[in-house]
Structures are given as C-alpha cells and as structure tokens.
Amino acid sequence: MSVETINMRTDAERKRRLQTAADLSHESLTAFVLSAADERAERVIADSRTTPLPTDFFDEFFDSLAPEPTPALIDAVSRLRRTVRRDG
C-alpha cells in the first residue's frame, strides 16, 4: 500500500475539538480525522447508489411493470412493501 499525504487547514477551535475527540478515542489526530472522513465517504457513496422516489411515482412505475399481476407477484409485492422504504 502506498502512503499519500493530505494537507488541511482549519481554525484553532475545530482543531482543539478534533484533538479532544481523538484523545478520548485513544487515537492520533490523523487516525481520528481519517476514520471520520472514511465513514462519511462510505455514507455518501452508499447514498449515491439509491434513488428515492415519491410514493405515487413508485406505485405507478411498479404497477406498470405487471399490469395483470399473478398471485405470486401480488405476494412478492406485499413482502416488498414491508421491507422497502419509500419517500413521499
């Protein structure tokens, strides 16, 4: 693994707060900041892979996929609706 450098500037208050948190976590300031940045990066990347849809659009789109649902599809949709969070 190659090691690269990231240089950052910040104000004294933010550095003090980050250092305090790092000390409480028993980590170096660098390890603490990188860990926090990495966690945020994972959330941003994960969020970019989902597309929230308004409820009415989701229902209309989903219904258009199978205009005449079979009993198996009806069962699958009822299970899906219990596990998928829809915005709206």
C-alpha atoms as a PDB file:
ATOM      1  CA  MET A   1       0.000   0.000   0.000  1.00  0.00           C
ATOM      2  CA  SER A   2       1.412   3.382  -0.949  1.00  0.00           C
ATOM      3  CA  VAL A   3       1.152   6.229   1.534  1.00  0.00           C
ATOM      4  CA  GLU A   4      -0.042   9.620   0.368  1.00  0.00           C
ATOM      5  CA  THR A   5      -0.426  12.944   2.121  1.00  0.00           C
ATOM      6  CA  ILE A   6      -3.491  15.120   2.636  1.00  0.00           C
ATOM      7  CA  ASN A   7      -2.819  18.634   3.915  1.00  0.00           C
ATOM      8  CA  MET A   8      -5.634  20.508   5.665  1.00  0.00           C
ATOM      9  CA  ARG A   9      -6.054  23.897   7.223  1.00  0.00           C
ATOM     10  CA  THR A  10      -8.534  24.615   9.994  1.00  0.00           C
ATOM     11  CA  ASP A  11      -9.258  27.108  12.720  1.00  0.00           C
ATOM     12  CA  ALA A  12      -7.955  26.626  16.264  1.00  0.00           C
ATOM     13  CA  GLU A  13     -11.347  25.783  17.758  1.00  0.00           C
ATOM     14  CA  ARG A  14     -12.054  22.971  15.294  1.00  0.00           C
ATOM     15  CA  LYS A  15      -8.557  21.543  15.744  1.00  0.00           C
ATOM     16  CA  ARG A  16      -8.992  21.633  19.528  1.00  0.00           C
ATOM     17  CA  ARG A  17     -12.355  19.832  19.276  1.00  0.00           C
ATOM     18  CA  LEU A  18     -10.958  17.193  16.920  1.00  0.00           C
ATOM     19  CA  GLN A  19      -7.902  16.670  19.115  1.00  0.00           C
ATOM     20  CA  THR A  20     -10.111  16.276  22.216  1.00  0.00           C
ATOM     21  CA  ALA A  21     -12.242  13.689  20.426  1.00  0.00           C
ATOM     22  CA  ALA A  22      -9.139  11.872  19.190  1.00  0.00           C
ATOM     23  CA  ASP A  23      -7.704  11.816  22.708  1.00  0.00           C
ATOM     24  CA  LEU A  24     -10.971  10.450  24.111  1.00  0.00           C
ATOM     25  CA  SER A  25     -10.923   7.773  21.394  1.00  0.00           C
ATOM     26  CA  HIS A  26      -7.273   6.911  22.165  1.00  0.00           C
ATOM     27  CA  GLU A  27      -6.341   7.688  18.563  1.00  0.00           C
ATOM     28  CA  SER A  28      -3.947  10.070  16.937  1.00  0.00           C
ATOM     29  CA  LEU A  29      -5.491  13.169  15.411  1.00  0.00           C
ATOM     30  CA  THR A  30      -4.648  11.832  11.945  1.00  0.00           C
ATOM     31  CA  ALA A  31      -6.260   8.437  12.616  1.00  0.00           C
ATOM     32  CA  PHE A  32      -9.368  10.091  14.071  1.00  0.00           C
ATOM     33  CA  VAL A  33      -9.834  12.511  11.179  1.00  0.00           C
ATOM     34  CA  LEU A  34      -9.219   9.830   8.540  1.00  0.00           C
ATOM     35  CA  SER A  35     -11.634   7.436  10.244  1.00  0.00           C
ATOM     36  CA  ALA A  36     -14.366  10.086  10.410  1.00  0.00           C
ATOM     37  CA  ALA A  37     -13.768  11.121   6.797  1.00  0.00           C
ATOM     38  CA  ASP A  38     -13.800   7.493   5.661  1.00  0.00           C
ATOM     39  CA  GLU A  39     -17.123   6.816   7.433  1.00  0.00           C
ATOM     40  CA  ARG A  40     -18.654   9.891   5.794  1.00  0.00           C
ATOM     41  CA  ALA A  41     -17.277   8.862   2.400  1.00  0.00           C
ATOM     42  CA  GLU A  42     -18.890   5.423   2.727  1.00  0.00           C
ATOM     43  CA  ARG A  43     -22.279   7.031   3.557  1.00  0.00           C
ATOM     44  CA  VAL A  44     -22.051   9.468   0.627  1.00  0.00           C
ATOM     45  CA  ILE A  45     -21.125   6.676  -1.786  1.00  0.00           C
ATOM     46  CA  ALA A  46     -23.905   4.410  -0.477  1.00  0.00           C
ATOM     47  CA  ASP A  47     -26.445   7.259  -0.741  1.00  0.00           C
ATOM     48  CA  SER A  48     -25.385   7.899  -4.337  1.00  0.00           C
ATOM     49  CA  ARG A  49     -26.401   4.339  -5.220  1.00  0.00           C
ATOM     50  CA  THR A  50     -30.050   4.819  -4.233  1.00  0.00           C
ATOM     51  CA  THR A  51     -32.761   6.870  -5.870  1.00  0.00           C
ATOM     52  CA  PRO A  52     -35.601   7.968  -3.611  1.00  0.00           C
ATOM     53  CA  LEU A  53     -38.947   8.160  -5.386  1.00  0.00           C
ATOM     54  CA  PRO A  54     -42.191   9.845  -4.354  1.00  0.00           C
ATOM     55  CA  THR A  55     -44.770   7.248  -3.298  1.00  0.00           C
ATOM     56  CA  ASP A  56     -47.191   7.915  -6.163  1.00  0.00           C
ATOM     57  CA  PHE A  57     -44.430   7.676  -8.782  1.00  0.00           C
ATOM     58  CA  PHE A  58     -43.100   4.445  -7.226  1.00  0.00           C
ATOM     59  CA  ASP A  59     -46.587   2.899  -7.203  1.00  0.00           C
ATOM     60  CA  GLU A  60     -47.322   3.961 -10.783  1.00  0.00           C
ATOM     61  CA  PHE A  61     -43.948   2.726 -12.035  1.00  0.00           C
ATOM     62  CA  PHE A  62     -44.209  -0.577 -10.180  1.00  0.00           C
ATOM     63  CA  ASP A  63     -47.781  -1.141 -11.376  1.00  0.00           C
ATOM     64  CA  SER A  64     -46.695  -0.517 -14.976  1.00  0.00           C
ATOM     65  CA  LEU A  65     -44.257  -3.425 -14.783  1.00  0.00           C
ATOM     66  CA  ALA A  66     -47.039  -6.004 -14.453  1.00  0.00           C
ATOM     67  CA  PRO A  67     -50.473  -4.683 -15.475  1.00  0.00           C
ATOM     68  CA  GLU A  68     -52.099  -8.053 -14.726  1.00  0.00           C
ATOM     69  CA  PRO A  69     -50.418  -9.354 -11.579  1.00  0.00           C
ATOM     70  CA  THR A  70     -50.210 -13.036 -10.852  1.00  0.00           C
ATOM     71  CA  PRO A  71     -50.809 -14.363  -7.329  1.00  0.00           C
ATOM     72  CA  ALA A  72     -47.057 -14.866  -6.944  1.00  0.00           C
ATOM     73  CA  LEU A  73     -46.401 -11.238  -7.928  1.00  0.00           C
ATOM     74  CA  ILE A  74     -49.068  -9.968  -5.524  1.00  0.00           C
ATOM     75  CA  ASP A  75     -47.392 -11.930  -2.726  1.00  0.00           C
ATOM     76  CA  ALA A  76     -43.946 -10.603  -3.692  1.00  0.00           C
ATOM     77  CA  VAL A  77     -45.200  -7.002  -3.776  1.00  0.00           C
ATOM     78  CA  SER A  78     -46.781  -7.310  -0.343  1.00  0.00           C
ATOM     79  CA  ARG A  79     -43.471  -8.597   1.053  1.00  0.00           C
ATOM     80  CA  LEU A  80     -41.532  -5.866  -0.778  1.00  0.00           C
ATOM     81  CA  ARG A  81     -43.748  -3.097   0.558  1.00  0.00           C
ATOM     82  CA  ARG A  82     -42.962  -4.231   4.104  1.00  0.00           C
ATOM     83  CA  THR A  83     -39.196  -4.012   3.507  1.00  0.00           C
ATOM     84  CA  VAL A  84     -38.691  -1.071   1.097  1.00  0.00           C
ATOM     85  CA  ARG A  85     -38.752   2.479   2.464  1.00  0.00           C
ATOM     86  CA  ARG A  86     -40.472   4.831   0.064  1.00  0.00           C
ATOM     87  CA  ASP A  87     -40.165   8.615   0.352  1.00  0.00           C
ATOM     88  CA  GLY A  88     -43.240  10.705  -0.008  1.00  0.00           C
END
